[in-house]
Amino acid sequence: MKSVNICASFFPPERGGRKLALIPEAWGHYMPHLRVEGHEELLGVRFLAGPREATEFSKDYEFGIEFMYSGVDYSRLIPGTEFEVLEGLKVVAKGMVLSD
């Protein structure tokens, strides 16, 4: 599976975000969707790597993500592309692709 590096900032609960920050133990198990700004298609991804400590809300962090599905067009996820991170229909973060 292809992977890319991203930068993302998670929203606090009072802004409609996650109730808990992401923790290193989640890497490999956190599987949200990304939605490229201006498009409706949801792109399933898996977070493979990230900070060694628990993240804090509203701060930028770098993550390594993997594209999960072979039949999905991930071609919009190129460096500089901005996206939203969704858990179900809930937008919990915003981010940008750093490198492929």
C-alpha atoms as a PDB file:
ATOM      1  CA  MET A   1       0.000   0.000   0.000  1.00  0.00           C
ATOM      2  CA  LYS A   2       1.139   3.521  -0.747  1.00  0.00           C
ATOM      3  CA  SER A   3       1.864   5.902   2.112  1.00  0.00           C
ATOM      4  CA  VAL A   4       2.375   9.668   2.415  1.00  0.00           C
ATOM      5  CA  ASN A   5       3.385  12.144   5.113  1.00  0.00           C
ATOM      6  CA  ILE A   6       0.855  14.673   6.317  1.00  0.00           C
ATOM      7  CA  CYS A   7       0.533  17.467   8.833  1.00  0.00           C
ATOM      8  CA  ALA A   8      -2.748  17.648  10.755  1.00  0.00           C
ATOM      9  CA  SER A   9      -4.305  19.565  13.632  1.00  0.00           C
ATOM     10  CA  PHE A  10      -7.149  17.956  15.590  1.00  0.00           C
ATOM     11  CA  PHE A  11     -10.063  20.025  16.859  1.00  0.00           C
ATOM     12  CA  PRO A  12     -10.932  20.057  20.585  1.00  0.00           C
ATOM     13  CA  PRO A  13     -14.343  18.718  21.678  1.00  0.00           C
ATOM     14  CA  GLU A  14     -15.802  22.215  22.042  1.00  0.00           C
ATOM     15  CA  ARG A  15     -15.140  22.768  18.314  1.00  0.00           C
ATOM     16  CA  GLY A  16     -16.816  19.491  17.380  1.00  0.00           C
ATOM     17  CA  GLY A  17     -13.622  17.418  17.393  1.00  0.00           C
ATOM     18  CA  ARG A  18     -12.504  14.267  19.145  1.00  0.00           C
ATOM     19  CA  LYS A  19     -13.155  13.745  22.849  1.00  0.00           C
ATOM     20  CA  LEU A  20      -9.633  12.399  23.362  1.00  0.00           C
ATOM     21  CA  ALA A  21      -6.339  13.317  21.751  1.00  0.00           C
ATOM     22  CA  LEU A  22      -4.531  10.747  19.611  1.00  0.00           C
ATOM     23  CA  ILE A  23      -1.963   8.599  21.384  1.00  0.00           C
ATOM     24  CA  PRO A  24       1.025   6.674  19.971  1.00  0.00           C
ATOM     25  CA  GLU A  25      -0.667   3.343  20.695  1.00  0.00           C
ATOM     26  CA  ALA A  26      -3.250   4.307  18.035  1.00  0.00           C
ATOM     27  CA  TRP A  27      -0.748   4.174  15.170  1.00  0.00           C
ATOM     28  CA  GLY A  28      -1.841   1.347  12.918  1.00  0.00           C
ATOM     29  CA  HIS A  29      -5.319   1.251  14.474  1.00  0.00           C
ATOM     30  CA  TYR A  30      -6.636   4.758  13.782  1.00  0.00           C
ATOM     31  CA  MET A  31      -8.466   4.526  10.442  1.00  0.00           C
ATOM     32  CA  PRO A  32     -10.478   7.654   9.600  1.00  0.00           C
ATOM     33  CA  HIS A  33     -11.391   9.056   6.201  1.00  0.00           C
ATOM     34  CA  LEU A  34      -9.862  12.060   4.464  1.00  0.00           C
ATOM     35  CA  ARG A  35     -11.878  14.423   2.288  1.00  0.00           C
ATOM     36  CA  VAL A  36      -9.957  16.705  -0.056  1.00  0.00           C
ATOM     37  CA  GLU A  37     -11.266  20.256   0.067  1.00  0.00           C
ATOM     38  CA  GLY A  38     -13.709  20.893  -2.758  1.00  0.00           C
ATOM     39  CA  HIS A  39     -14.525  17.187  -3.216  1.00  0.00           C
ATOM     40  CA  GLU A  40     -17.035  14.855  -1.583  1.00  0.00           C
ATOM     41  CA  GLU A  41     -15.280  11.482  -1.948  1.00  0.00           C
ATOM     42  CA  LEU A  42     -14.120   9.922   1.327  1.00  0.00           C
ATOM     43  CA  LEU A  43     -10.672   8.320   1.235  1.00  0.00           C
ATOM     44  CA  GLY A  44      -9.987   5.581   3.791  1.00  0.00           C
ATOM     45  CA  VAL A  45      -6.553   5.813   5.412  1.00  0.00           C
ATOM     46  CA  ARG A  46      -4.616   4.281   8.302  1.00  0.00           C
ATOM     47  CA  PHE A  47      -2.330   6.363  10.519  1.00  0.00           C
ATOM     48  CA  LEU A  48       0.949   4.421  10.683  1.00  0.00           C
ATOM     49  CA  ALA A  49       3.236   6.825  12.536  1.00  0.00           C
ATOM     50  CA  GLY A  50       3.112  10.021  14.507  1.00  0.00           C
ATOM     51  CA  PRO A  51       4.418  11.766  17.603  1.00  0.00           C
ATOM     52  CA  ARG A  52       5.916   9.687  20.410  1.00  0.00           C
ATOM     53  CA  GLU A  53       3.782  11.500  22.980  1.00  0.00           C
ATOM     54  CA  ALA A  54       0.007  12.026  23.093  1.00  0.00           C
ATOM     55  CA  THR A  55      -1.076  14.848  20.810  1.00  0.00           C
ATOM     56  CA  GLU A  56      -2.652  18.081  21.983  1.00  0.00           C
ATOM     57  CA  PHE A  57      -5.643  19.703  20.337  1.00  0.00           C
ATOM     58  CA  SER A  58      -5.176  22.609  17.903  1.00  0.00           C
ATOM     59  CA  LYS A  59      -1.459  21.905  17.331  1.00  0.00           C
ATOM     60  CA  ASP A  60       0.106  20.737  14.070  1.00  0.00           C
ATOM     61  CA  TYR A  61       1.686  17.271  14.058  1.00  0.00           C
ATOM     62  CA  GLU A  62       3.277  15.173  11.347  1.00  0.00           C
ATOM     63  CA  PHE A  63       1.911  11.706  10.635  1.00  0.00           C
ATOM     64  CA  GLY A  64       2.608   8.898   8.206  1.00  0.00           C
ATOM     65  CA  ILE A  65      -0.570   7.500   6.659  1.00  0.00           C
ATOM     66  CA  GLU A  66      -1.282   4.544   4.398  1.00  0.00           C
ATOM     67  CA  PHE A  67      -3.923   4.357   1.652  1.00  0.00           C
ATOM     68  CA  MET A  68      -6.183   1.449   2.595  1.00  0.00           C
ATOM     69  CA  TYR A  69      -8.084   0.485  -0.553  1.00  0.00           C
ATOM     70  CA  SER A  70      -6.779  -0.567  -3.952  1.00  0.00           C
ATOM     71  CA  GLY A  71      -9.915   0.471  -5.894  1.00  0.00           C
ATOM     72  CA  VAL A  72     -10.024   4.055  -4.558  1.00  0.00           C
ATOM     73  CA  ASP A  73      -8.489   7.013  -6.427  1.00  0.00           C
ATOM     74  CA  TYR A  74      -6.060   8.687  -4.013  1.00  0.00           C
ATOM     75  CA  SER A  75      -4.385  10.726  -6.780  1.00  0.00           C
ATOM     76  CA  ARG A  76      -5.576  14.048  -5.281  1.00  0.00           C
ATOM     77  CA  LEU A  77      -3.419  13.448  -2.183  1.00  0.00           C
ATOM     78  CA  ILE A  78      -0.273  15.132  -3.467  1.00  0.00           C
ATOM     79  CA  PRO A  79       2.032  17.545  -1.609  1.00  0.00           C
ATOM     80  CA  GLY A  80       0.236  20.788  -0.789  1.00  0.00           C
ATOM     81  CA  THR A  81      -3.276  19.291  -0.913  1.00  0.00           C
ATOM     82  CA  GLU A  82      -5.481  20.368   1.999  1.00  0.00           C
ATOM     83  CA  PHE A  83      -8.008  17.949   3.483  1.00  0.00           C
ATOM     84  CA  GLU A  84     -10.355  17.258   6.369  1.00  0.00           C
ATOM     85  CA  VAL A  85     -10.143  14.213   8.651  1.00  0.00           C
ATOM     86  CA  LEU A  86     -13.513  12.582   9.286  1.00  0.00           C
ATOM     87  CA  GLU A  87     -14.710  10.040  11.830  1.00  0.00           C
ATOM     88  CA  GLY A  88     -18.002   8.966  10.324  1.00  0.00           C
ATOM     89  CA  LEU A  89     -19.584  12.236   9.191  1.00  0.00           C
ATOM     90  CA  LYS A  90     -17.836  14.276  11.888  1.00  0.00           C
ATOM     91  CA  VAL A  91     -14.917  16.507  10.820  1.00  0.00           C
ATOM     92  CA  VAL A  92     -12.302  16.157  13.584  1.00  0.00           C
ATOM     93  CA  ALA A  93      -9.190  17.730  12.017  1.00  0.00           C
ATOM     94  CA  LYS A  94      -7.742  19.608   9.076  1.00  0.00           C
ATOM     95  CA  GLY A  95      -4.443  18.907   7.419  1.00  0.00           C
ATOM     96  CA  MET A  96      -2.172  19.041   4.408  1.00  0.00           C
ATOM     97  CA  VAL A  97      -0.128  16.468   2.498  1.00  0.00           C
ATOM     98  CA  LEU A  98       3.585  17.118   3.027  1.00  0.00           C
ATOM     99  CA  SER A  99       5.265  14.517   0.824  1.00  0.00           C
ATOM    100  CA  ASP A 100       4.610  11.332  -1.084  1.00  0.00           C
END
